[in-house]
PDB file of all heavy atoms in Angstrom:
ATOM      1  N   ALA A   1       9.422  11.127   2.173  1.00  0.00           N
ATOM      2  CA  ALA A   1       8.838  12.054   1.205  1.00  0.00           C
ATOM      3  C   ALA A   1       7.768  12.874   1.923  1.00  0.00           C
ATOM      4  O   ALA A   1       7.455  12.619   3.084  1.00  0.00           O
ATOM      5  CB  ALA A   1       8.218  11.281   0.040  1.00  0.00           C
ATOM      6  N   THR A   2       7.211  13.827   1.216  1.00  0.00           N
ATOM      7  CA  THR A   2       6.108  14.597   1.798  1.00  0.00           C
ATOM      8  C   THR A   2       4.788  13.904   1.430  1.00  0.00           C
ATOM      9  O   THR A   2       4.716  13.166   0.439  1.00  0.00           O
ATOM     10  CB  THR A   2       6.079  16.040   1.259  1.00  0.00           C
ATOM     11  OG1 THR A   2       5.735  16.011  -0.137  1.00  0.00           O
ATOM     12  CG2 THR A   2       7.411  16.743   1.478  1.00  0.00           C
ATOM     13  N   PRO A   3       3.737  14.148   2.218  1.00  0.00           N
ATOM     14  CA  PRO A   3       2.434  13.585   1.864  1.00  0.00           C
ATOM     15  C   PRO A   3       1.973  14.020   0.465  1.00  0.00           C
ATOM     16  O   PRO A   3       1.371  13.233  -0.262  1.00  0.00           O
ATOM     17  CB  PRO A   3       1.501  14.128   2.951  1.00  0.00           C
ATOM     18  CG  PRO A   3       2.398  14.331   4.128  1.00  0.00           C
ATOM     19  CD  PRO A   3       3.705  14.806   3.530  1.00  0.00           C
ATOM     20  N   ILE A   4       2.286  15.246   0.088  1.00  0.00           N
ATOM     21  CA  ILE A   4       1.921  15.740  -1.243  1.00  0.00           C
ATOM     22  C   ILE A   4       2.603  14.890  -2.319  1.00  0.00           C
ATOM     23  O   ILE A   4       1.980  14.484  -3.307  1.00  0.00           O
ATOM     24  CB  ILE A   4       2.326  17.223  -1.404  1.00  0.00           C
ATOM     25  CG1 ILE A   4       1.617  18.097  -0.373  1.00  0.00           C
ATOM     26  CG2 ILE A   4       2.107  17.712  -2.829  1.00  0.00           C
ATOM     27  CD1 ILE A   4       0.123  18.059  -0.352  1.00  0.00           C
ATOM     28  N   GLN A   5       3.871  14.592  -2.137  1.00  0.00           N
ATOM     29  CA  GLN A   5       4.602  13.773  -3.098  1.00  0.00           C
ATOM     30  C   GLN A   5       4.016  12.371  -3.184  1.00  0.00           C
ATOM     31  O   GLN A   5       3.883  11.812  -4.275  1.00  0.00           O
ATOM     32  CB  GLN A   5       6.084  13.716  -2.733  1.00  0.00           C
ATOM     33  CG  GLN A   5       6.796  15.030  -2.942  1.00  0.00           C
ATOM     34  CD  GLN A   5       8.175  15.056  -2.338  1.00  0.00           C
ATOM     35  OE1 GLN A   5       8.456  14.408  -1.331  1.00  0.00           O
ATOM     36  NE2 GLN A   5       9.066  15.828  -2.955  1.00  0.00           N
ATOM     37  N   VAL A   6       3.649  11.805  -2.055  1.00  0.00           N
ATOM     38  CA  VAL A   6       3.058  10.468  -2.043  1.00  0.00           C
ATOM     39  C   VAL A   6       1.716  10.475  -2.775  1.00  0.00           C
ATOM     40  O   VAL A   6       1.434   9.580  -3.577  1.00  0.00           O
ATOM     41  CB  VAL A   6       2.908   9.937  -0.597  1.00  0.00           C
ATOM     42  CG1 VAL A   6       2.050   8.675  -0.557  1.00  0.00           C
ATOM     43  CG2 VAL A   6       4.274   9.676   0.009  1.00  0.00           C
ATOM     44  N   ALA A   7       0.894  11.492  -2.516  1.00  0.00           N
ATOM     45  CA  ALA A   7      -0.404  11.575  -3.176  1.00  0.00           C
ATOM     46  C   ALA A   7      -0.252  11.682  -4.693  1.00  0.00           C
ATOM     47  O   ALA A   7      -0.974  11.021  -5.447  1.00  0.00           O
ATOM     48  CB  ALA A   7      -1.189  12.775  -2.641  1.00  0.00           C
ATOM     49  N   LEU A   8       0.706  12.474  -5.141  1.00  0.00           N
ATOM     50  CA  LEU A   8       0.939  12.617  -6.586  1.00  0.00           C
ATOM     51  C   LEU A   8       1.549  11.349  -7.173  1.00  0.00           C
ATOM     52  O   LEU A   8       1.173  10.919  -8.272  1.00  0.00           O
ATOM     53  CB  LEU A   8       1.825  13.833  -6.866  1.00  0.00           C
ATOM     54  CG  LEU A   8       1.182  15.184  -6.568  1.00  0.00           C
ATOM     55  CD1 LEU A   8       2.204  16.314  -6.709  1.00  0.00           C
ATOM     56  CD2 LEU A   8      -0.030  15.426  -7.449  1.00  0.00           C
ATOM     57  N   ALA A   9       2.482  10.728  -6.453  1.00  0.00           N
ATOM     58  CA  ALA A   9       3.090   9.489  -6.930  1.00  0.00           C
ATOM     59  C   ALA A   9       2.032   8.397  -7.056  1.00  0.00           C
ATOM     60  O   ALA A   9       2.045   7.615  -8.021  1.00  0.00           O
ATOM     61  CB  ALA A   9       4.211   9.043  -5.992  1.00  0.00           C
ATOM     62  N   TRP A  10       1.099   8.342  -6.102  1.00  0.00           N
ATOM     63  CA  TRP A  10       0.026   7.341  -6.177  1.00  0.00           C
ATOM     64  C   TRP A  10      -0.795   7.544  -7.453  1.00  0.00           C
ATOM     65  O   TRP A  10      -1.099   6.586  -8.162  1.00  0.00           O
ATOM     66  CB  TRP A  10      -0.868   7.409  -4.933  1.00  0.00           C
ATOM     67  CG  TRP A  10      -1.962   6.397  -4.971  1.00  0.00           C
ATOM     68  CD1 TRP A  10      -1.896   5.094  -4.552  1.00  0.00           C
ATOM     69  CD2 TRP A  10      -3.283   6.572  -5.497  1.00  0.00           C
ATOM     70  NE1 TRP A  10      -3.095   4.467  -4.781  1.00  0.00           N
ATOM     71  CE2 TRP A  10      -3.963   5.353  -5.361  1.00  0.00           C
ATOM     72  CE3 TRP A  10      -3.943   7.660  -6.065  1.00  0.00           C
ATOM     73  CZ2 TRP A  10      -5.287   5.179  -5.765  1.00  0.00           C
ATOM     74  CZ3 TRP A  10      -5.258   7.484  -6.481  1.00  0.00           C
ATOM     75  CH2 TRP A  10      -5.918   6.256  -6.323  1.00  0.00           C
ATOM     76  N   LEU A  11      -1.142   8.781  -7.746  1.00  0.00           N
ATOM     77  CA  LEU A  11      -1.893   9.060  -8.968  1.00  0.00           C
ATOM     78  C   LEU A  11      -1.121   8.617 -10.210  1.00  0.00           C
ATOM     79  O   LEU A  11      -1.671   7.973 -11.101  1.00  0.00           O
ATOM     80  CB  LEU A  11      -2.215  10.557  -9.079  1.00  0.00           C
ATOM     81  CG  LEU A  11      -3.329  11.084  -8.188  1.00  0.00           C
ATOM     82  CD1 LEU A  11      -3.327  12.603  -8.182  1.00  0.00           C
ATOM     83  CD2 LEU A  11      -4.681  10.547  -8.626  1.00  0.00           C
ATOM     84  N   LEU A  12       0.164   8.962 -10.253  1.00  0.00           N
ATOM     85  CA  LEU A  12       0.980   8.626 -11.428  1.00  0.00           C
ATOM     86  C   LEU A  12       1.098   7.114 -11.619  1.00  0.00           C
ATOM     87  O   LEU A  12       1.201   6.638 -12.748  1.00  0.00           O
ATOM     88  CB  LEU A  12       2.363   9.257 -11.303  1.00  0.00           C
ATOM     89  CG  LEU A  12       2.387  10.783 -11.400  1.00  0.00           C
ATOM     90  CD1 LEU A  12       3.759  11.326 -11.004  1.00  0.00           C
ATOM     91  CD2 LEU A  12       2.000  11.243 -12.806  1.00  0.00           C
ATOM     92  N   GLN A  13       1.091   6.358 -10.526  1.00  0.00           N
ATOM     93  CA  GLN A  13       1.212   4.904 -10.618  1.00  0.00           C
ATOM     94  C   GLN A  13      -0.138   4.204 -10.730  1.00  0.00           C
ATOM     95  O   GLN A  13      -0.201   3.049 -11.135  1.00  0.00           O
ATOM     96  CB  GLN A  13       1.960   4.360  -9.392  1.00  0.00           C
ATOM     97  CG  GLN A  13       3.427   4.678  -9.425  1.00  0.00           C
ATOM     98  CD  GLN A  13       4.169   4.136  -8.205  1.00  0.00           C
ATOM     99  OE1 GLN A  13       4.951   4.840  -7.615  1.00  0.00           O
ATOM    100  NE2 GLN A  13       3.919   2.909  -7.831  1.00  0.00           N
ATOM    101  N   HIS A  14      -1.212   4.884 -10.382  1.00  0.00           N
ATOM    102  CA  HIS A  14      -2.531   4.257 -10.316  1.00  0.00           C
ATOM    103  C   HIS A  14      -3.081   3.882 -11.690  1.00  0.00           C
ATOM    104  O   HIS A  14      -3.669   2.825 -11.859  1.00  0.00           O
ATOM    105  CB  HIS A  14      -3.509   5.163  -9.582  1.00  0.00           C
ATOM    106  CG  HIS A  14      -4.853   4.555  -9.371  1.00  0.00           C
ATOM    107  ND1 HIS A  14      -5.059   3.488  -8.524  1.00  0.00           N
ATOM    108  CD2 HIS A  14      -6.062   4.846  -9.910  1.00  0.00           C
ATOM    109  CE1 HIS A  14      -6.334   3.151  -8.540  1.00  0.00           C
ATOM    110  NE2 HIS A  14      -6.959   3.965  -9.377  1.00  0.00           N
ATOM    111  N   SER A  15      -2.889   4.759 -12.661  1.00  0.00           N
ATOM    112  CA  SER A  15      -3.430   4.513 -13.998  1.00  0.00           C
ATOM    113  C   SER A  15      -2.630   5.302 -15.021  1.00  0.00           C
ATOM    114  O   SER A  15      -2.297   6.464 -14.780  1.00  0.00           O
ATOM    115  CB  SER A  15      -4.896   4.948 -14.065  1.00  0.00           C
ATOM    116  OG  SER A  15      -5.354   4.945 -15.408  1.00  0.00           O
ATOM    117  N   PRO A  16      -2.383   4.686 -16.182  1.00  0.00           N
ATOM    118  CA  PRO A  16      -1.669   5.425 -17.224  1.00  0.00           C
ATOM    119  C   PRO A  16      -2.499   6.571 -17.805  1.00  0.00           C
ATOM    120  O   PRO A  16      -1.957   7.450 -18.462  1.00  0.00           O
ATOM    121  CB  PRO A  16      -1.387   4.366 -18.287  1.00  0.00           C
ATOM    122  CG  PRO A  16      -2.393   3.292 -18.050  1.00  0.00           C
ATOM    123  CD  PRO A  16      -2.697   3.318 -16.573  1.00  0.00           C
ATOM    124  N   ALA A  17      -3.786   6.596 -17.528  1.00  0.00           N
ATOM    125  CA  ALA A  17      -4.646   7.669 -18.043  1.00  0.00           C
ATOM    126  C   ALA A  17      -4.544   8.935 -17.198  1.00  0.00           C
ATOM    127  O   ALA A  17      -4.892  10.009 -17.659  1.00  0.00           O
ATOM    128  CB  ALA A  17      -6.097   7.206 -18.078  1.00  0.00           C
ATOM    129  N   LEU A  18      -4.074   8.802 -15.954  1.00  0.00           N
ATOM    130  CA  LEU A  18      -4.060   9.940 -15.032  1.00  0.00           C
ATOM    131  C   LEU A  18      -2.914  10.897 -15.322  1.00  0.00           C
ATOM    132  O   LEU A  18      -1.751  10.503 -15.379  1.00  0.00           O
ATOM    133  CB  LEU A  18      -3.959   9.453 -13.584  1.00  0.00           C
ATOM    134  CG  LEU A  18      -5.238   8.858 -13.018  1.00  0.00           C
ATOM    135  CD1 LEU A  18      -4.964   8.150 -11.700  1.00  0.00           C
ATOM    136  CD2 LEU A  18      -6.291   9.927 -12.830  1.00  0.00           C
ATOM    137  N   LEU A  19      -3.266  12.164 -15.464  1.00  0.00           N
ATOM    138  CA  LEU A  19      -2.292  13.231 -15.679  1.00  0.00           C
ATOM    139  C   LEU A  19      -2.575  14.336 -14.675  1.00  0.00           C
ATOM    140  O   LEU A  19      -3.269  15.309 -14.985  1.00  0.00           O
ATOM    141  CB  LEU A  19      -2.391  13.781 -17.107  1.00  0.00           C
ATOM    142  CG  LEU A  19      -2.140  12.796 -18.230  1.00  0.00           C
ATOM    143  CD1 LEU A  19      -2.551  13.383 -19.570  1.00  0.00           C
ATOM    144  CD2 LEU A  19      -0.690  12.392 -18.247  1.00  0.00           C
ATOM    145  N   PRO A  20      -2.077  14.183 -13.438  1.00  0.00           N
ATOM    146  CA  PRO A  20      -2.371  15.209 -12.438  1.00  0.00           C
ATOM    147  C   PRO A  20      -1.669  16.521 -12.751  1.00  0.00           C
ATOM    148  O   PRO A  20      -0.532  16.539 -13.209  1.00  0.00           O
ATOM    149  CB  PRO A  20      -1.849  14.604 -11.135  1.00  0.00           C
ATOM    150  CG  PRO A  20      -0.850  13.587 -11.540  1.00  0.00           C
ATOM    151  CD  PRO A  20      -1.255  13.107 -12.911  1.00  0.00           C
ATOM    152  N   ILE A  21      -2.374  17.613 -12.518  1.00  0.00           N
ATOM    153  CA  ILE A  21      -1.822  18.942 -12.712  1.00  0.00           C
ATOM    154  C   ILE A  21      -2.087  19.730 -11.435  1.00  0.00           C
ATOM    155  O   ILE A  21      -3.055  20.483 -11.349  1.00  0.00           O
ATOM    156  CB  ILE A  21      -2.451  19.647 -13.933  1.00  0.00           C
ATOM    157  CG1 ILE A  21      -2.316  18.789 -15.185  1.00  0.00           C
ATOM    158  CG2 ILE A  21      -1.819  21.012 -14.150  1.00  0.00           C
ATOM    159  CD1 ILE A  21      -3.064  19.326 -16.382  1.00  0.00           C
ATOM    160  N   PRO A  22      -1.244  19.524 -10.424  1.00  0.00           N
ATOM    161  CA  PRO A  22      -1.480  20.240  -9.172  1.00  0.00           C
ATOM    162  C   PRO A  22      -1.128  21.715  -9.325  1.00  0.00           C
ATOM    163  O   PRO A  22      -0.133  22.064  -9.946  1.00  0.00           O
ATOM    164  CB  PRO A  22      -0.532  19.546  -8.184  1.00  0.00           C
ATOM    165  CG  PRO A  22       0.570  19.021  -9.049  1.00  0.00           C
ATOM    166  CD  PRO A  22      -0.074  18.665 -10.366  1.00  0.00           C
ATOM    167  N   GLY A  23      -1.965  22.549  -8.790  1.00  0.00           N
ATOM    168  CA  GLY A  23      -1.687  23.975  -8.823  1.00  0.00           C
ATOM    169  C   GLY A  23      -0.603  24.329  -7.818  1.00  0.00           C
ATOM    170  O   GLY A  23      -0.404  23.631  -6.830  1.00  0.00           O
ATOM    171  N   THR A  24       0.107  25.377  -8.107  1.00  0.00           N
ATOM    172  CA  THR A  24       1.132  25.846  -7.180  1.00  0.00           C
ATOM    173  C   THR A  24       1.356  27.330  -7.391  1.00  0.00           C
ATOM    174  O   THR A  24       1.226  27.833  -8.500  1.00  0.00           O
ATOM    175  CB  THR A  24       2.450  25.064  -7.353  1.00  0.00           C
ATOM    176  OG1 THR A  24       3.368  25.483  -6.353  1.00  0.00           O
ATOM    177  CG2 THR A  24       3.063  25.280  -8.721  1.00  0.00           C
ATOM    178  N   SER A  25       1.692  28.000  -6.298  1.00  0.00           N
ATOM    179  CA  SER A  25       1.977  29.430  -6.404  1.00  0.00           C
ATOM    180  C   SER A  25       3.390  29.747  -5.936  1.00  0.00           C
ATOM    181  O   SER A  25       3.787  30.898  -5.918  1.00  0.00           O
ATOM    182  CB  SER A  25       0.961  30.229  -5.578  1.00  0.00           C
ATOM    183  OG  SER A  25       1.035  29.836  -4.219  1.00  0.00           O
TER     184      SER A  25
END
């Protein structure tokens, strides 16, 4: 995977309260 995907996956698995909204262009 990409490091970005791993960082987002970690957030999603870390806590059910976390709702990451990464910006993208």
